[in-house]
Amino acid sequence: MKHITDYLEKEQVTQLLECARACSLRDYLMLRILWRTGIRVSELLNIRLQDIEAHNQVVNIVKAKGGKQRRVLLDIETLDMLAKYVLDTKTPEDNPIFPLSSVWVWQLVKKYARLAGIGDSVHPHTLRHSHAIHLVRKGADIRRVQLLLGHSSLNTTSTYLRFKEADLLEMYNTIEF
């Protein structure tokens, strides 16, 4: 089983997001969406207004890996910020909300990681890994994590079941014997 090592602790994600927020609402929103949904960069860059079901807190990912489609959840606060951003930018309903390249998003993530002081090894997929690790640590079952990430195989998702010793100790200390 592969061991996921490139993820951020929640505090590090917060630092990253705060650096982006201080510089650009667009950049902040993109990074926040990557973190809150666990979607891939290519999926983020294909989201259009018509793909969002705000009343259900759902974003329809219509161009997922392998030509698949799936639905991911997004919190109301982020959806509200996104709606305001789309309104302010006058983005047409059928156009991508973030018309950028994947390379550009990679560069933005690296820039904000450096500004946040969390290193050069952070990339957009690090936020996907961080999202999955966070879900598992908070008790989400692996099948639901699989659905949210859009993995075909449960074996792929099971990589997120590997915990650091500190995680195991924290869980162990909450159990009443």
Protein backbone atom coordinates (compact mmCIF):
# COMPACT_ATOMS: atom_id res chain seq x y z
CA MET A 1 0.00 0.00 0.00
CA LYS A 2 1.34 3.42 -0.98
CA HIS A 3 1.99 5.81 1.89
CA ILE A 4 0.71 9.36 1.46
CA THR A 5 3.31 11.77 2.77
CA ASP A 6 2.50 14.94 0.86
CA TYR A 7 -0.34 16.43 2.84
CA LEU A 8 -0.75 19.43 5.07
CA GLU A 9 -2.02 19.62 8.60
CA LYS A 10 -5.14 21.74 9.01
CA GLU A 11 -3.10 24.61 10.50
CA GLN A 12 -0.84 24.63 7.45
CA VAL A 13 -3.84 24.75 5.12
CA THR A 14 -5.15 27.70 7.11
CA GLN A 15 -1.80 29.48 6.70
CA LEU A 16 -1.81 28.81 2.97
CA LEU A 17 -5.37 30.09 2.57
CA GLU A 18 -4.70 33.21 4.63
CA CYS A 19 -1.74 34.11 2.42
CA ALA A 20 -3.91 33.72 -0.67
CA ARG A 21 -6.77 35.70 0.91
CA ALA A 22 -4.41 38.61 1.61
CA CYS A 23 -3.38 38.73 -2.07
CA SER A 24 -6.33 37.75 -4.25
CA LEU A 25 -9.96 36.71 -3.79
CA ARG A 26 -9.77 34.57 -6.94
CA ASP A 27 -6.69 32.70 -5.75
CA TYR A 28 -8.16 32.28 -2.27
CA LEU A 29 -11.39 30.85 -3.70
CA MET A 30 -9.56 28.40 -5.96
CA LEU A 31 -7.40 27.09 -3.12
CA ARG A 32 -10.34 26.98 -0.73
CA ILE A 33 -12.40 24.98 -3.23
CA LEU A 34 -9.52 22.55 -3.80
CA TRP A 35 -9.21 22.07 -0.02
CA ARG A 36 -12.92 21.87 0.78
CA THR A 37 -13.82 19.48 -2.06
CA GLY A 38 -10.68 17.46 -2.74
CA ILE A 39 -11.13 17.90 -6.48
CA ARG A 40 -8.29 17.83 -8.98
CA VAL A 41 -6.99 21.02 -10.63
CA SER A 42 -8.39 20.00 -14.01
CA GLU A 43 -11.80 19.54 -12.40
CA LEU A 44 -11.61 22.96 -10.71
CA LEU A 45 -10.76 24.65 -13.99
CA ASN A 46 -13.79 23.12 -15.71
CA ILE A 47 -16.41 24.22 -13.16
CA ARG A 48 -19.06 26.46 -14.65
CA LEU A 49 -21.87 28.28 -12.86
CA GLN A 50 -24.37 25.85 -14.36
CA ASP A 51 -22.53 22.99 -12.60
CA ILE A 52 -23.34 24.35 -9.16
CA GLU A 53 -26.45 23.36 -7.19
CA ALA A 54 -26.13 25.80 -4.31
CA HIS A 55 -29.43 24.69 -2.70
CA ASN A 56 -28.02 21.13 -2.43
CA GLN A 57 -24.45 22.27 -1.63
CA VAL A 58 -23.28 20.29 -4.65
CA VAL A 59 -20.84 20.94 -7.45
CA ASN A 60 -21.27 18.66 -10.43
CA ILE A 61 -17.90 17.64 -11.77
CA VAL A 62 -18.71 16.93 -15.39
CA LYS A 63 -15.16 16.47 -16.66
CA ALA A 64 -13.58 14.22 -14.05
CA LYS A 65 -10.61 11.93 -14.61
CA GLY A 66 -11.35 9.17 -17.10
CA GLY A 67 -14.30 11.08 -18.59
CA LYS A 68 -16.42 10.34 -15.54
CA GLN A 69 -18.85 12.59 -13.74
CA ARG A 70 -19.45 12.95 -10.02
CA ARG A 71 -20.95 15.23 -7.43
CA VAL A 72 -18.92 16.81 -4.66
CA LEU A 73 -20.07 18.74 -1.63
CA LEU A 74 -19.15 22.33 -0.86
CA ASP A 75 -19.93 24.34 2.25
CA ILE A 76 -22.41 27.23 2.13
CA GLU A 77 -19.86 29.90 3.06
CA THR A 78 -17.66 28.98 0.09
CA LEU A 79 -20.68 28.76 -2.20
CA ASP A 80 -21.73 32.28 -1.13
CA MET A 81 -18.23 33.64 -1.80
CA LEU A 82 -18.21 31.88 -5.17
CA ALA A 83 -21.61 33.34 -6.11
CA LYS A 84 -20.40 36.84 -5.26
CA TYR A 85 -17.19 36.29 -7.23
CA VAL A 86 -19.13 35.08 -10.30
CA LEU A 87 -21.46 38.07 -10.04
CA ASP A 88 -18.56 40.53 -9.67
CA THR A 89 -16.65 39.04 -12.61
CA LYS A 90 -19.80 38.70 -14.74
CA THR A 91 -18.83 35.15 -15.66
CA PRO A 92 -21.30 33.68 -18.17
CA GLU A 93 -23.15 30.59 -16.91
CA ASP A 94 -21.59 28.26 -19.48
CA ASN A 95 -17.98 29.52 -19.15
CA PRO A 96 -15.42 28.18 -16.70
CA ILE A 97 -15.39 30.25 -13.50
CA PHE A 98 -11.59 30.11 -13.34
CA PRO A 99 -10.31 30.30 -16.95
CA LEU A 100 -6.68 29.50 -16.14
CA SER A 101 -4.19 26.77 -16.99
CA SER A 102 -3.17 23.95 -14.66
CA VAL A 103 0.39 25.26 -14.70
CA TRP A 104 -0.85 28.63 -13.46
CA VAL A 105 -2.66 27.01 -10.52
CA TRP A 106 0.47 24.98 -9.68
CA GLN A 107 2.48 28.20 -9.62
CA LEU A 108 -0.08 29.89 -7.38
CA VAL A 109 -0.06 27.03 -4.88
CA LYS A 110 3.74 27.07 -4.78
CA LYS A 111 3.76 30.86 -4.35
CA TYR A 112 1.36 30.81 -1.41
CA ALA A 113 3.09 27.82 0.19
CA ARG A 114 6.37 29.75 0.14
CA LEU A 115 4.68 32.88 1.51
CA ALA A 116 3.08 30.78 4.27
CA GLY A 117 6.46 29.25 5.09
CA ILE A 118 5.30 25.68 4.56
CA GLY A 119 7.81 24.65 1.92
CA ASP A 120 8.38 24.14 -1.77
CA SER A 121 7.00 20.61 -2.02
CA VAL A 122 3.35 21.75 -1.84
CA HIS A 123 1.33 21.40 -5.04
CA PRO A 124 -2.41 21.40 -5.84
CA HIS A 125 -2.72 17.64 -5.35
CA THR A 126 -1.35 18.14 -1.82
CA LEU A 127 -4.68 19.83 -1.03
CA ARG A 128 -6.54 16.78 -2.36
CA HIS A 129 -4.48 14.50 -0.13
CA SER A 130 -4.96 16.86 2.81
CA HIS A 131 -8.73 16.85 2.24
CA ALA A 132 -8.88 13.05 2.23
CA ILE A 133 -6.63 12.66 5.29
CA HIS A 134 -8.72 15.22 7.17
CA LEU A 135 -11.96 13.39 6.30
CA VAL A 136 -10.57 10.06 7.52
CA ARG A 137 -9.18 11.61 10.71
CA LYS A 138 -12.60 13.09 11.46
CA GLY A 139 -14.24 9.69 11.12
CA ALA A 140 -15.53 9.60 7.53
CA ASP A 141 -15.80 6.03 6.36
CA ILE A 142 -13.55 5.02 3.50
CA ARG A 143 -16.42 4.27 1.09
CA ARG A 144 -17.73 7.82 1.38
CA VAL A 145 -14.24 9.23 0.93
CA GLN A 146 -13.94 7.08 -2.20
CA LEU A 147 -17.15 8.58 -3.62
CA LEU A 148 -16.12 12.15 -2.82
CA LEU A 149 -12.70 11.71 -4.44
CA GLY A 150 -14.08 9.87 -7.46
CA HIS A 151 -11.84 6.83 -7.11
CA SER A 152 -12.88 3.75 -9.09
CA SER A 153 -11.20 1.40 -6.67
CA LEU A 154 -11.43 1.29 -2.90
CA ASN A 155 -7.77 0.19 -2.93
CA THR A 156 -6.78 3.62 -4.23
CA THR A 157 -8.67 5.32 -1.41
CA SER A 158 -7.28 2.96 1.21
CA THR A 159 -3.93 4.77 1.04
CA TYR A 160 -5.54 7.40 3.26
CA LEU A 161 -6.00 4.86 6.03
CA ARG A 162 -2.34 5.03 6.97
CA PHE A 163 -1.94 7.15 10.04
CA LYS A 164 0.96 8.79 11.79
CA GLU A 165 1.72 7.49 15.25
CA ALA A 166 0.47 10.75 16.78
CA ASP A 167 -2.94 10.20 15.13
CA LEU A 168 -3.15 6.71 16.58
CA LEU A 169 -2.15 7.93 20.04
CA GLU A 170 -4.76 10.71 19.93
CA MET A 171 -7.48 8.20 19.01
CA TYR A 172 -6.28 5.70 21.59
CA ASN A 173 -6.40 8.28 24.37
CA THR A 174 -10.06 9.05 23.64
CA ILE A 175 -11.17 5.45 24.17
CA GLU A 176 -12.63 4.57 27.55
CA PHE A 177 -11.43 1.18 28.75
